């Protein structure tokens, strides 16, 4: 018979191997400026978005390599008072 005092539950987390991204193997991404074959159907026609590319034939989605390596978006520019003309902006 098992008593409550002698039974000890172990955490599942203690047995997990730490995440190692280099050991995960093949990671398909869309590379701008290269011929990208779809891993689903093998075709090369893509619909490009801001963070992902989607195959036009089978709808397989891949993240953009450039979207993964860039930092956060720049801060928006707010104008106070009157807005400068295009000639002033071009001269700056």
C-alpha atoms as a PDB file:
ATOM      1  CA  UNK A   1       0.000   0.000   0.000  1.00  0.00           C
ATOM      2  CA  UNK A   2       1.261   3.473  -0.897  1.00  0.00           C
ATOM      3  CA  UNK A   3       1.030   6.123   1.751  1.00  0.00           C
ATOM      4  CA  UNK A   4       0.484   9.764   1.031  1.00  0.00           C
ATOM      5  CA  UNK A   5       3.739  10.733   2.728  1.00  0.00           C
ATOM      6  CA  UNK A   6       5.930   8.381   0.626  1.00  0.00           C
ATOM      7  CA  UNK A   7       4.510   9.329  -2.777  1.00  0.00           C
ATOM      8  CA  UNK A   8       6.125  12.350  -4.333  1.00  0.00           C
ATOM      9  CA  UNK A   9       5.106  13.701  -7.682  1.00  0.00           C
ATOM     10  CA  UNK A  10       7.850  14.867 -10.016  1.00  0.00           C
ATOM     11  CA  UNK A  11       7.511  17.837 -12.262  1.00  0.00           C
ATOM     12  CA  UNK A  12       7.480  17.166 -15.993  1.00  0.00           C
ATOM     13  CA  UNK A  13       9.454  20.360 -16.540  1.00  0.00           C
ATOM     14  CA  UNK A  14      12.507  18.993 -14.749  1.00  0.00           C
ATOM     15  CA  UNK A  15      12.989  16.299 -17.421  1.00  0.00           C
ATOM     16  CA  UNK A  16      12.777  18.534 -20.493  1.00  0.00           C
ATOM     17  CA  UNK A  17      15.850  19.303 -22.538  1.00  0.00           C
ATOM     18  CA  UNK A  18      16.460  23.070 -22.894  1.00  0.00           C
ATOM     19  CA  UNK A  19      15.400  24.503 -26.260  1.00  0.00           C
ATOM     20  CA  UNK A  20      18.250  24.614 -28.778  1.00  0.00           C
ATOM     21  CA  UNK A  21      17.216  26.352 -32.042  1.00  0.00           C
ATOM     22  CA  UNK A  22      20.243  25.078 -33.971  1.00  0.00           C
ATOM     23  CA  UNK A  23      19.220  21.489 -33.275  1.00  0.00           C
ATOM     24  CA  UNK A  24      15.665  21.828 -34.595  1.00  0.00           C
ATOM     25  CA  UNK A  25      16.704  21.014 -38.164  1.00  0.00           C
ATOM     26  CA  UNK A  26      15.235  22.372 -41.391  1.00  0.00           C
ATOM     27  CA  UNK A  27      13.405  25.660 -41.016  1.00  0.00           C
ATOM     28  CA  UNK A  28      11.697  26.876 -44.191  1.00  0.00           C
ATOM     29  CA  UNK A  29      11.622  30.652 -44.694  1.00  0.00           C
ATOM     30  CA  UNK A  30      11.000  32.860 -47.722  1.00  0.00           C
ATOM     31  CA  UNK A  31      14.238  34.567 -48.812  1.00  0.00           C
ATOM     32  CA  UNK A  32      13.855  37.774 -50.772  1.00  0.00           C
ATOM     33  CA  UNK A  33      15.902  37.935 -53.993  1.00  0.00           C
ATOM     34  CA  UNK A  34      16.133  34.145 -54.377  1.00  0.00           C
ATOM     35  CA  UNK A  35      14.041  31.520 -56.149  1.00  0.00           C
ATOM     36  CA  UNK A  36      11.829  30.054 -53.437  1.00  0.00           C
ATOM     37  CA  UNK A  37      10.187  26.705 -54.118  1.00  0.00           C
ATOM     38  CA  UNK A  38       7.090  25.923 -52.090  1.00  0.00           C
ATOM     39  CA  UNK A  39       7.686  23.041 -49.654  1.00  0.00           C
ATOM     40  CA  UNK A  40       4.082  21.940 -50.228  1.00  0.00           C
ATOM     41  CA  UNK A  41       3.797  21.837 -54.030  1.00  0.00           C
ATOM     42  CA  UNK A  42       7.205  22.844 -55.421  1.00  0.00           C
ATOM     43  CA  UNK A  43       5.983  25.870 -57.394  1.00  0.00           C
ATOM     44  CA  UNK A  44       7.538  29.334 -57.250  1.00  0.00           C
ATOM     45  CA  UNK A  45       4.584  31.783 -57.349  1.00  0.00           C
ATOM     46  CA  UNK A  46       4.211  33.660 -54.044  1.00  0.00           C
ATOM     47  CA  UNK A  47       1.946  36.318 -52.548  1.00  0.00           C
ATOM     48  CA  UNK A  48       4.215  38.456 -50.373  1.00  0.00           C
ATOM     49  CA  UNK A  49       2.957  40.176 -47.234  1.00  0.00           C
ATOM     50  CA  UNK A  50       4.688  42.134 -44.479  1.00  0.00           C
ATOM     51  CA  UNK A  51       5.682  39.162 -42.327  1.00  0.00           C
ATOM     52  CA  UNK A  52       4.877  36.097 -44.439  1.00  0.00           C
ATOM     53  CA  UNK A  53       4.704  34.782 -47.992  1.00  0.00           C
ATOM     54  CA  UNK A  54       1.897  32.495 -49.172  1.00  0.00           C
ATOM     55  CA  UNK A  55       2.079  30.072 -52.080  1.00  0.00           C
ATOM     56  CA  UNK A  56      -0.407  31.174 -54.745  1.00  0.00           C
ATOM     57  CA  UNK A  57      -1.273  27.559 -55.615  1.00  0.00           C
ATOM     58  CA  UNK A  58      -1.514  25.561 -52.379  1.00  0.00           C
ATOM     59  CA  UNK A  59      -1.644  28.373 -49.744  1.00  0.00           C
ATOM     60  CA  UNK A  60       1.404  27.170 -47.802  1.00  0.00           C
ATOM     61  CA  UNK A  61       2.611  30.094 -45.684  1.00  0.00           C
ATOM     62  CA  UNK A  62       6.266  30.787 -44.880  1.00  0.00           C
ATOM     63  CA  UNK A  63       7.686  33.530 -42.674  1.00  0.00           C
ATOM     64  CA  UNK A  64       9.855  36.154 -44.375  1.00  0.00           C
ATOM     65  CA  UNK A  65      13.520  35.870 -43.426  1.00  0.00           C
ATOM     66  CA  UNK A  66      13.834  39.662 -43.473  1.00  0.00           C
ATOM     67  CA  UNK A  67      10.879  40.067 -41.102  1.00  0.00           C
ATOM     68  CA  UNK A  68      12.597  37.828 -38.544  1.00  0.00           C
ATOM     69  CA  UNK A  69      15.889  39.738 -38.518  1.00  0.00           C
ATOM     70  CA  UNK A  70      14.624  43.320 -38.389  1.00  0.00           C
ATOM     71  CA  UNK A  71      13.926  45.103 -35.146  1.00  0.00           C
ATOM     72  CA  UNK A  72      10.773  46.915 -34.137  1.00  0.00           C
ATOM     73  CA  UNK A  73       9.187  49.471 -36.430  1.00  0.00           C
ATOM     74  CA  UNK A  74      10.446  53.059 -36.194  1.00  0.00           C
ATOM     75  CA  UNK A  75       8.503  55.522 -34.100  1.00  0.00           C
ATOM     76  CA  UNK A  76       5.817  57.474 -35.938  1.00  0.00           C
ATOM     77  CA  UNK A  77       6.477  61.139 -36.698  1.00  0.00           C
ATOM     78  CA  UNK A  78       3.974  63.576 -35.241  1.00  0.00           C
ATOM     79  CA  UNK A  79       3.844  67.171 -36.470  1.00  0.00           C
ATOM     80  CA  UNK A  80       3.022  69.927 -34.050  1.00  0.00           C
ATOM     81  CA  UNK A  81       1.779  73.180 -35.490  1.00  0.00           C
ATOM     82  CA  UNK A  82       2.043  73.696 -39.241  1.00  0.00           C
ATOM     83  CA  UNK A  83       3.428  70.914 -41.367  1.00  0.00           C
ATOM     84  CA  UNK A  84       6.575  71.724 -43.402  1.00  0.00           C
ATOM     85  CA  UNK A  85       6.355  71.801 -47.177  1.00  0.00           C
ATOM     86  CA  UNK A  86       7.907  69.122 -49.401  1.00  0.00           C
ATOM     87  CA  UNK A  87      10.643  71.548 -50.468  1.00  0.00           C
ATOM     88  CA  UNK A  88      11.678  72.021 -46.835  1.00  0.00           C
ATOM     89  CA  UNK A  89      11.664  68.260 -46.244  1.00  0.00           C
ATOM     90  CA  UNK A  90      13.769  67.593 -49.378  1.00  0.00           C
ATOM     91  CA  UNK A  91      16.327  70.220 -48.302  1.00  0.00           C
ATOM     92  CA  UNK A  92      16.770  68.598 -44.873  1.00  0.00           C
END
